[in-house]
């Protein structure tokens, strides 16, 4: 039986996409179920204000996602290229370095998050009962920072070594526990929002413990050899991980601005609608992110092994697959908007108000498959700057000004229109950058062939 490295270097890109992406997509979809389930239970069991509170709080959970992505994706990129080069010294440093960085950064988030919860939520435009409920929910979530950050970042390491099914099963275990615990804890806390928060934290603790046991006892290639900061790895980890983290941090800023502007133009009903729509966006985007996790070890390992033609062929295959996957979400968004919004909102009048807005927001959603695969390609090649440009363009540089400006001409509709306008512009920018990168890879491939011929 071939080892993981051999499969990444020899199997067809289509076979690799199917083998790596199915468990990766399911695993990442499971991650999205945490906040998705909290919003549904809050909306159905506690009412629209509780759903609005959980939704307003959601962008601030992206602070933790940013940390886990910074360390996890940066370490995963270093790891996959080290596997391609058979660099065991680097491989042995990965987990100990990851753990200590997660502990330090998570402690900072927990302390600052608990102290400044109210101030953070006020920035998003939350007020009244929605604000008070969001504060109670968010403080509990911040308490679990170290567990979610370790579980998610270590899961990225598992995917980078090619253990997609194992990574998926760990994520699935955490999500299933959360789904089971949420209604139980809500009832136990007297139908209060704290129950949903505690269910989320407890499920993350269990997942973190399972993950830790795996890397201590079961992983064949990647284990804890020493728990310390490996300063030689930090520049590369932060360079690559920064662009991945930006996607989370900028989403936090973006969604905070969306809630603020929507609240000023449409009040609580717009906060509730935007909250439901953004939950659907998060859930639909996460499988694409999962698919990109399947692409990352393929690109990193083949690039490290200097198989440049396979790099381009693999990227193209995954781009097509991601576009097809995005269509699987786009079609229901356009055909069943009322039913999807009703998952979160019981009030039929609010649902009716949001149908056209919902369709508008997701009108060109399929282009995001190309965008996320391109970002991952640059990250996997060690081109953190290019990845950062694409992330910043979509997550903040274009959309935030549009969210502020368009409502002045279009009213509330402008808040929703800012999303597809941004995605259209970013698609063109991404296409130009990818074509340039392909030319560079082609030149490297030709130069490499010339060197080999001269040696022979």
Protein backbone atom coordinates (compact mmCIF):
# COMPACT_ATOMS: atom_id res chain seq x y z
CA UNK A 1 0.00 0.00 0.00
CA UNK A 2 1.35 3.40 -0.99
CA UNK A 3 2.18 5.92 1.71
CA UNK A 4 0.47 9.31 1.74
CA UNK A 5 3.40 11.12 0.10
CA UNK A 6 3.48 8.70 -2.82
CA UNK A 7 -0.24 9.04 -3.37
CA UNK A 8 -0.03 12.83 -3.39
CA UNK A 9 2.75 12.66 -6.00
CA UNK A 10 1.36 9.91 -8.21
CA UNK A 11 -2.45 9.66 -8.10
CA UNK A 12 -4.49 11.62 -10.64
CA UNK A 13 -5.72 15.04 -9.41
CA UNK A 14 -9.33 13.88 -9.81
CA UNK A 15 -8.74 10.82 -7.62
CA UNK A 16 -6.98 12.96 -5.04
CA UNK A 17 -9.80 15.50 -5.07
CA UNK A 18 -12.38 12.81 -4.39
CA UNK A 19 -10.29 11.06 -1.73
CA UNK A 20 -9.15 14.19 0.11
CA UNK A 21 -12.07 16.55 -0.36
CA UNK A 22 -15.05 14.40 0.53
CA UNK A 23 -13.89 13.93 4.15
CA UNK A 24 -12.45 17.47 4.26
CA UNK A 25 -15.70 19.04 3.06
CA UNK A 26 -17.75 16.98 5.52
CA UNK A 27 -15.30 17.84 8.30
CA UNK A 28 -15.42 21.58 7.62
CA UNK A 29 -19.19 21.50 7.17
CA UNK A 30 -19.34 19.98 10.61
CA UNK A 31 -17.37 22.96 11.98
CA UNK A 32 -20.03 25.27 10.59
CA UNK A 33 -22.72 23.34 12.42
CA UNK A 34 -21.53 24.72 15.76
CA UNK A 35 -22.72 28.28 15.22
CA UNK A 36 -25.43 27.19 12.77
CA UNK A 37 -27.05 24.89 15.35
CA UNK A 38 -26.76 27.53 18.08
CA UNK A 39 -28.64 30.02 15.89
CA UNK A 40 -31.38 27.53 14.98
CA UNK A 41 -31.93 26.42 18.58
CA UNK A 42 -31.85 30.03 19.77
CA UNK A 43 -34.36 31.12 17.14
CA UNK A 44 -36.73 28.19 17.60
CA UNK A 45 -36.49 27.65 21.39
CA UNK A 46 -35.68 31.13 22.70
CA UNK A 47 -37.12 33.56 20.13
CA UNK A 48 -35.90 36.07 17.51
CA UNK A 49 -33.97 38.26 19.95
CA UNK A 50 -31.92 35.29 21.12
CA UNK A 51 -31.21 34.34 17.51
CA UNK A 52 -30.21 37.94 16.83
CA UNK A 53 -27.93 37.87 19.88
CA UNK A 54 -26.18 34.67 18.81
CA UNK A 55 -25.81 36.08 15.28
CA UNK A 56 -24.39 39.41 16.46
CA UNK A 57 -21.95 37.49 18.65
CA UNK A 58 -20.83 35.23 15.80
CA UNK A 59 -18.35 37.64 14.15
CA UNK A 60 -16.43 37.79 17.43
CA UNK A 61 -15.97 34.03 17.43
CA UNK A 62 -13.94 34.62 14.27
CA UNK A 63 -11.19 36.04 16.48
CA UNK A 64 -10.60 32.49 17.69
CA UNK A 65 -10.94 31.14 14.17
CA UNK A 66 -8.31 33.64 13.08
CA UNK A 67 -5.83 32.38 15.68
CA UNK A 68 -6.39 28.71 14.90
CA UNK A 69 -6.11 29.44 11.18
CA UNK A 70 -2.96 31.54 11.61
CA UNK A 71 -1.13 28.77 13.45
CA UNK A 72 -2.87 25.80 11.81
CA UNK A 73 -2.66 26.82 8.16
CA UNK A 74 0.84 28.25 8.54
CA UNK A 75 2.06 25.06 10.21
CA UNK A 76 0.19 22.85 7.71
CA UNK A 77 1.81 24.62 4.75
CA UNK A 78 5.29 24.18 6.28
CA UNK A 79 4.49 20.55 7.08
CA UNK A 80 3.25 19.53 3.62
CA UNK A 81 6.33 20.94 1.91
CA UNK A 82 8.56 19.28 4.54
CA UNK A 83 6.83 15.97 3.76
CA UNK A 84 7.51 16.53 0.05
CA UNK A 85 11.20 17.13 0.82
CA UNK A 86 11.36 14.34 3.47
CA UNK A 87 12.57 16.90 6.02
CA UNK A 88 12.01 14.96 9.27
CA UNK A 89 13.69 17.60 11.43
CA UNK A 90 11.02 20.16 10.52
CA UNK A 91 8.21 17.62 10.77
CA UNK A 92 9.19 16.77 14.37
CA UNK A 93 9.03 20.44 15.43
CA UNK A 94 5.50 21.16 14.19
CA UNK A 95 3.19 19.99 17.02
CA UNK A 96 5.14 21.26 20.03
CA UNK A 97 5.49 24.67 18.42
CA UNK A 98 1.78 24.71 17.52
CA UNK A 99 0.64 23.86 21.06
CA UNK A 100 2.64 26.55 22.85
CA UNK A 101 1.60 29.25 20.37
CA UNK A 102 -2.07 28.29 20.74
CA UNK A 103 -1.88 28.42 24.55
CA UNK A 104 -0.28 31.88 24.57
CA UNK A 105 -2.58 33.50 21.99
CA UNK A 106 -5.74 31.86 23.34
CA UNK A 107 -5.02 33.10 26.87
CA UNK A 108 -4.81 36.66 25.55
CA UNK A 109 -8.13 36.30 23.71
CA UNK A 110 -9.89 34.78 26.73
CA UNK A 111 -8.83 37.52 29.15
CA UNK A 112 -9.41 40.46 26.81
CA UNK A 113 -12.61 38.96 25.40
CA UNK A 114 -14.25 38.48 28.80
CA UNK A 115 -13.25 41.95 30.01
CA UNK A 116 -14.32 43.85 26.89
CA UNK A 117 -17.32 41.80 25.71
CA UNK A 118 -19.84 44.66 26.09
CA UNK A 119 -17.64 47.19 24.31
CA UNK A 120 -17.01 44.80 21.41
CA UNK A 121 -20.69 44.01 20.90
CA UNK A 122 -21.74 47.66 21.06
CA UNK A 123 -19.46 48.28 18.07
CA UNK A 124 -21.62 45.91 16.01
CA UNK A 125 -24.74 47.99 16.68
CA UNK A 126 -26.31 45.59 19.20
CA UNK A 127 -28.51 47.23 21.82
CA UNK A 128 -31.27 46.50 24.30
CA UNK A 129 -32.19 42.88 24.92
CA UNK A 130 -30.15 41.62 21.94
CA UNK A 131 -27.03 43.24 23.44
CA UNK A 132 -27.61 41.80 26.92
CA UNK A 133 -28.23 38.29 25.58
CA UNK A 134 -25.17 38.50 23.31
CA UNK A 135 -22.94 39.51 26.24
CA UNK A 136 -24.05 36.51 28.32
CA UNK A 137 -23.50 34.17 25.36
CA UNK A 138 -20.15 35.57 24.26
CA UNK A 139 -18.41 35.55 27.64
CA UNK A 140 -18.95 31.82 27.93
CA UNK A 141 -17.70 31.24 24.39
CA UNK A 142 -14.48 33.15 25.14
CA UNK A 143 -13.84 30.79 28.08
CA UNK A 144 -13.40 27.91 25.63
CA UNK A 145 -10.89 29.68 23.37
CA UNK A 146 -7.88 27.44 24.00
CA UNK A 147 -9.86 24.26 23.34
CA UNK A 148 -11.42 25.33 20.04
CA UNK A 149 -8.15 26.84 18.83
CA UNK A 150 -6.13 23.71 19.54
CA UNK A 151 -8.77 21.37 18.11
CA UNK A 152 -9.12 23.34 14.87
CA UNK A 153 -5.42 24.07 14.28
CA UNK A 154 -4.37 20.49 15.07
CA UNK A 155 -7.11 19.27 12.73
CA UNK A 156 -5.43 21.24 9.93
CA UNK A 157 -2.20 19.38 10.69
CA UNK A 158 -4.03 16.07 10.35
CA UNK A 159 -5.35 17.15 6.95
CA UNK A 160 -1.90 18.33 5.85
CA UNK A 161 -0.48 14.86 6.51
CA UNK A 162 -3.32 13.39 4.44
CA UNK A 163 -5.41 11.98 7.32
CA UNK A 164 -8.64 13.46 5.98
CA UNK A 165 -11.01 10.77 7.28
CA UNK A 166 -9.55 10.92 10.78
CA UNK A 167 -9.78 14.73 10.80
CA UNK A 168 -13.39 14.53 9.61
CA UNK A 169 -14.35 12.00 12.28
CA UNK A 170 -12.93 14.18 15.07
CA UNK A 171 -14.82 17.23 13.81
CA UNK A 172 -17.99 15.19 13.39
CA UNK A 173 -17.73 13.92 16.97
CA UNK A 174 -17.56 17.47 18.32
CA UNK A 175 -20.49 18.68 16.21
CA UNK A 176 -22.72 15.73 17.05
CA UNK A 177 -22.05 16.24 20.75
CA UNK A 178 -22.95 19.93 20.35
CA UNK A 179 -26.18 19.10 18.51
CA UNK A 180 -27.18 16.70 21.29
CA UNK A 181 -26.12 18.94 24.17
CA UNK A 182 -27.55 22.26 22.93
CA UNK A 183 -31.27 21.60 23.55
CA UNK A 184 -30.47 19.76 26.80
CA UNK A 185 -28.36 22.64 28.13
CA UNK A 186 -30.88 25.29 27.00
CA UNK A 187 -33.60 23.48 28.96
CA UNK A 188 -31.25 22.90 31.93
CA UNK A 189 -30.49 26.63 32.10
CA UNK A 190 -34.20 27.48 32.11
CA UNK A 191 -34.46 28.27 28.41
CA UNK A 192 -31.65 30.80 28.46
CA UNK A 193 -28.97 31.59 25.87
CA UNK A 194 -26.21 30.48 28.27
CA UNK A 195 -27.24 26.87 27.63
CA UNK A 196 -26.35 27.10 23.94
CA UNK A 197 -22.97 28.63 24.81
CA UNK A 198 -22.08 25.96 27.38
CA UNK A 199 -23.03 23.19 24.94
CA UNK A 200 -20.63 24.64 22.39
CA UNK A 201 -17.76 24.96 24.87
CA UNK A 202 -18.22 21.46 26.30
CA UNK A 203 -18.23 19.88 22.84
CA UNK A 204 -15.04 21.77 21.97
CA UNK A 205 -13.33 20.55 25.14
CA UNK A 206 -14.16 16.95 24.28
CA UNK A 207 -12.90 17.37 20.71
CA UNK A 208 -9.65 18.96 21.91
CA UNK A 209 -9.00 16.08 24.32
CA UNK A 210 -9.61 13.47 21.60
CA UNK A 211 -7.26 15.33 19.26
CA UNK A 212 -4.53 15.57 21.88
CA UNK A 213 -4.72 11.83 22.57
CA UNK A 214 -4.36 11.13 18.84
CA UNK A 215 -1.12 13.09 18.50
CA UNK A 216 0.31 11.62 21.71
CA UNK A 217 -0.54 7.95 21.06
CA UNK A 218 -1.77 7.24 17.56
CA UNK A 219 -0.23 9.45 14.88
CA UNK A 220 2.48 7.57 13.01
CA UNK A 221 4.39 10.53 11.58
CA UNK A 222 3.60 13.68 13.57
CA UNK A 223 3.92 13.72 17.34
CA UNK A 224 4.93 15.93 20.25
CA UNK A 225 8.72 15.76 20.54
CA UNK A 226 9.13 18.92 22.63
CA UNK A 227 6.69 21.67 23.58
CA UNK A 228 8.51 24.91 22.85
CA UNK A 229 8.54 27.80 20.43
CA UNK A 230 10.60 26.94 17.34
CA UNK A 231 11.79 30.39 16.31
CA UNK A 232 13.24 29.09 13.04
CA UNK A 233 9.73 28.14 11.89
CA UNK A 234 7.91 31.30 12.94
CA UNK A 235 8.67 33.55 9.93
CA UNK A 236 7.29 31.02 7.45
CA UNK A 237 4.35 29.99 9.63
CA UNK A 238 3.27 33.58 10.21
CA UNK A 239 3.89 34.59 6.61
CA UNK A 240 1.61 31.87 5.24
CA UNK A 241 -0.79 31.75 8.16
CA UNK A 242 -1.27 35.51 8.15
CA UNK A 243 -3.12 35.47 4.84
CA UNK A 244 -5.33 32.63 6.09
CA UNK A 245 -5.96 34.43 9.37
CA UNK A 246 -6.85 37.59 7.50
CA UNK A 247 -9.82 35.77 6.00
CA UNK A 248 -11.23 35.26 9.50
CA UNK A 249 -10.25 38.62 11.01
CA UNK A 250 -11.43 40.58 8.00
CA UNK A 251 -14.70 38.65 8.03
CA UNK A 252 -15.08 39.74 11.64
CA UNK A 253 -14.61 43.40 10.65
CA UNK A 254 -16.81 42.99 7.58
CA UNK A 255 -19.71 41.44 9.47
CA UNK A 256 -19.43 43.95 12.30
CA UNK A 257 -19.80 46.78 9.76
CA UNK A 258 -22.71 44.97 8.05
CA UNK A 259 -24.61 44.66 11.35
CA UNK A 260 -23.88 48.28 12.22
CA UNK A 261 -25.06 49.70 8.89
CA UNK A 262 -28.04 47.33 8.61
CA UNK A 263 -29.12 48.32 12.10
CA UNK A 264 -28.96 52.03 11.29
CA UNK A 265 -31.07 51.60 8.13
CA UNK A 266 -33.51 48.88 9.18
CA UNK A 267 -33.40 48.35 12.96
CA UNK A 268 -33.75 45.01 14.72
CA UNK A 269 -35.56 43.29 11.84
CA UNK A 270 -32.56 43.87 9.58
CA UNK A 271 -30.18 42.56 12.26
CA UNK A 272 -32.28 39.40 12.50
CA UNK A 273 -32.42 38.99 8.69
CA UNK A 274 -28.73 39.73 8.18
CA UNK A 275 -27.95 37.32 11.01
CA UNK A 276 -29.87 34.50 9.33
CA UNK A 277 -28.39 35.25 5.90
CA UNK A 278 -24.82 35.39 7.19
CA UNK A 279 -25.31 32.07 8.98
CA UNK A 280 -26.31 30.53 5.67
CA UNK A 281 -23.31 32.20 4.02
CA UNK A 282 -20.96 30.82 6.68
CA UNK A 283 -22.37 27.31 6.35
CA UNK A 284 -22.19 27.36 2.53
CA UNK A 285 -18.68 28.82 2.43
CA UNK A 286 -17.21 26.36 4.92
CA UNK A 287 -17.42 23.32 2.57
CA UNK A 288 -15.47 25.33 -0.01
CA UNK A 289 -12.91 26.06 2.67
CA UNK A 290 -12.88 22.34 3.44
CA UNK A 291 -12.22 21.54 -0.20
CA UNK A 292 -9.31 23.95 -0.14
CA UNK A 293 -7.87 21.96 2.77
CA UNK A 294 -7.80 18.96 0.43
CA UNK A 295 -5.94 21.03 -2.18
CA UNK A 296 -3.31 22.29 0.26
CA UNK A 297 -1.29 19.05 0.78
CA UNK A 298 -1.54 18.22 -2.94
CA UNK A 299 -0.05 21.54 -4.02
CA UNK A 300 2.49 21.78 -1.19
CA UNK A 301 3.82 18.23 -1.58
CA UNK A 302 4.05 18.36 -5.40
CA UNK A 303 5.66 21.80 -5.37
CA UNK A 304 8.18 20.60 -2.77
CA UNK A 305 8.94 17.61 -5.03
CA UNK A 306 9.31 19.97 -8.05
CA UNK A 307 6.42 18.40 -10.01
CA UNK A 308 5.28 21.72 -11.42
CA UNK A 309 2.95 20.47 -14.14
CA UNK A 310 1.01 18.48 -11.53
CA UNK A 311 0.69 21.64 -9.46
CA UNK A 312 -1.20 23.44 -12.25
CA UNK A 313 -3.25 20.41 -13.25
CA UNK A 314 -4.27 19.76 -9.65
CA UNK A 315 -5.23 23.40 -9.08
CA UNK A 316 -7.42 23.41 -12.20
CA UNK A 317 -9.15 20.18 -11.19
CA UNK A 318 -9.95 21.51 -7.73
CA UNK A 319 -11.18 24.84 -9.13
CA UNK A 320 -13.73 23.03 -11.32
CA UNK A 321 -14.79 20.85 -8.40
CA UNK A 322 -15.19 23.86 -6.09
CA UNK A 323 -17.33 25.67 -8.65
CA UNK A 324 -19.63 22.65 -8.93
CA UNK A 325 -19.82 22.44 -5.13
CA UNK A 326 -20.74 26.12 -4.85
CA UNK A 327 -23.59 25.59 -7.32
CA UNK A 328 -25.01 22.96 -4.96
CA UNK A 329 -25.62 25.78 -2.48
CA UNK A 330 -26.44 28.57 -4.91
CA UNK A 331 -29.41 26.74 -6.45
CA UNK A 332 -31.29 26.21 -3.15
CA UNK A 333 -30.51 29.81 -2.16
CA UNK A 334 -32.27 31.08 -5.25
CA UNK A 335 -35.14 28.57 -5.26
CA UNK A 336 -35.97 28.21 -1.54
CA UNK A 337 -35.04 31.49 0.23
CA UNK A 338 -38.22 31.58 2.31
CA UNK A 339 -37.75 28.06 3.66
CA UNK A 340 -34.09 28.69 4.50
CA UNK A 341 -34.78 31.93 6.37
CA UNK A 342 -37.62 30.21 8.23
CA UNK A 343 -35.10 27.84 9.80
CA UNK A 344 -34.03 30.77 11.98
CA UNK A 345 -37.01 33.13 11.98
CA UNK A 346 -40.56 32.28 13.05
CA UNK A 347 -42.04 35.68 12.16
CA UNK A 348 -43.44 35.31 8.62
CA UNK A 349 -43.45 39.07 7.99
CA UNK A 350 -39.70 39.33 8.66
CA UNK A 351 -39.04 36.31 6.44
CA UNK A 352 -41.10 37.85 3.61
CA UNK A 353 -39.15 41.11 3.92
CA UNK A 354 -35.84 39.28 3.46
CA UNK A 355 -36.51 37.02 0.43
CA UNK A 356 -35.36 39.41 -2.31
CA UNK A 357 -32.44 40.62 -0.22
CA UNK A 358 -31.31 37.04 0.37
CA UNK A 359 -31.37 36.21 -3.35
CA UNK A 360 -29.45 39.39 -4.15
CA UNK A 361 -26.69 38.68 -1.63
CA UNK A 362 -26.00 35.25 -3.17
CA UNK A 363 -26.57 36.12 -6.83
CA UNK A 364 -22.97 35.33 -7.92
CA UNK A 365 -21.96 32.98 -5.10
CA UNK A 366 -20.50 30.30 -7.49
CA UNK A 367 -17.44 32.48 -8.25
CA UNK A 368 -16.25 31.96 -4.68
CA UNK A 369 -15.14 28.41 -5.52
CA UNK A 370 -12.49 29.83 -7.85
CA UNK A 371 -11.49 32.51 -5.33
CA UNK A 372 -10.91 30.22 -2.34
CA UNK A 373 -8.96 27.65 -4.40
CA UNK A 374 -6.76 30.46 -5.70
CA UNK A 375 -6.08 31.77 -2.19
CA UNK A 376 -5.14 28.25 -1.07
CA UNK A 377 -2.90 27.76 -4.11
CA UNK A 378 -0.88 30.86 -3.21
CA UNK A 379 -0.69 29.82 0.47
CA UNK A 380 0.51 26.33 -0.48
CA UNK A 381 3.20 27.73 -2.79
CA UNK A 382 4.49 29.96 0.00
CA UNK A 383 3.16 33.08 -1.74
CA UNK A 384 1.60 34.59 1.37
CA UNK A 385 1.62 38.12 -0.06
CA UNK A 386 -0.52 37.18 -3.06
CA UNK A 387 -2.97 35.28 -0.86
CA UNK A 388 -3.19 38.27 1.48
CA UNK A 389 -4.00 40.62 -1.41
CA UNK A 390 -6.95 38.46 -2.47
CA UNK A 391 -8.23 38.08 1.09
CA UNK A 392 -7.93 41.78 1.92
CA UNK A 393 -9.61 42.76 -1.37
CA UNK A 394 -12.69 40.64 -0.72
CA UNK A 395 -12.97 40.75 3.05
CA UNK A 396 -12.44 44.44 3.71
CA UNK A 397 -10.78 46.70 1.10
CA UNK A 398 -13.74 46.59 -1.31
CA UNK A 399 -16.75 45.38 0.64
CA UNK A 400 -16.53 47.70 3.66
CA UNK A 401 -16.53 50.93 1.57
CA UNK A 402 -19.35 49.49 -0.56
CA UNK A 403 -21.41 48.59 2.51
CA UNK A 404 -21.08 52.18 3.69
CA UNK A 405 -21.60 53.90 0.31
CA UNK A 406 -24.25 51.84 -1.51
CA UNK A 407 -27.00 52.30 1.12
CA UNK A 408 -26.76 56.06 0.59
CA UNK A 409 -28.03 55.52 -2.94
CA UNK A 410 -30.01 52.28 -2.59
CA UNK A 411 -31.18 52.33 1.02
CA UNK A 412 -31.19 49.03 2.92
CA UNK A 413 -30.84 47.13 -0.36
CA UNK A 414 -27.35 48.59 -0.74
CA UNK A 415 -26.08 46.64 2.29
CA UNK A 416 -27.06 43.37 0.62
CA UNK A 417 -25.87 44.43 -2.86
CA UNK A 418 -22.36 45.14 -1.58
CA UNK A 419 -21.63 41.39 -1.38
CA UNK A 420 -22.18 40.40 -5.06
CA UNK A 421 -20.59 43.62 -6.35
CA UNK A 422 -17.46 42.87 -4.33
CA UNK A 423 -17.33 39.24 -5.44
CA UNK A 424 -17.57 40.22 -9.11
CA UNK A 425 -14.65 42.64 -8.85
CA UNK A 426 -12.51 40.19 -6.85
CA UNK A 427 -13.16 37.42 -9.39
CA UNK A 428 -11.51 39.53 -12.12
CA UNK A 429 -8.53 40.37 -9.89
CA UNK A 430 -8.09 36.72 -8.94
CA UNK A 431 -8.18 35.54 -12.55
CA UNK A 432 -5.42 37.98 -13.52
CA UNK A 433 -3.21 36.93 -10.59
CA UNK A 434 -3.66 33.20 -11.24
CA UNK A 435 -2.74 33.52 -14.92
CA UNK A 436 0.45 35.37 -13.94
CA UNK A 437 1.33 32.70 -11.37
CA UNK A 438 0.80 29.92 -13.90
CA UNK A 439 3.27 31.64 -16.24
CA UNK A 440 5.83 31.78 -13.43
CA UNK A 441 5.33 28.10 -12.60
CA UNK A 442 5.73 27.24 -16.30
CA UNK A 443 9.00 29.15 -16.44
CA UNK A 444 10.29 27.41 -13.29
CA UNK A 445 9.38 24.05 -14.83
CA UNK A 446 11.29 24.83 -18.05
CA UNK A 447 14.32 26.06 -16.11
CA UNK A 448 14.27 22.95 -13.95
CA UNK A 449 14.21 20.69 -17.02
CA UNK A 450 17.21 22.53 -18.47
CA UNK A 451 19.18 22.03 -15.23
CA UNK A 452 18.38 18.31 -15.20
CA UNK A 453 19.47 17.93 -18.85
CA UNK A 454 22.74 19.76 -18.17
CA UNK A 455 23.46 17.52 -15.19
CA UNK A 456 22.79 14.42 -17.26
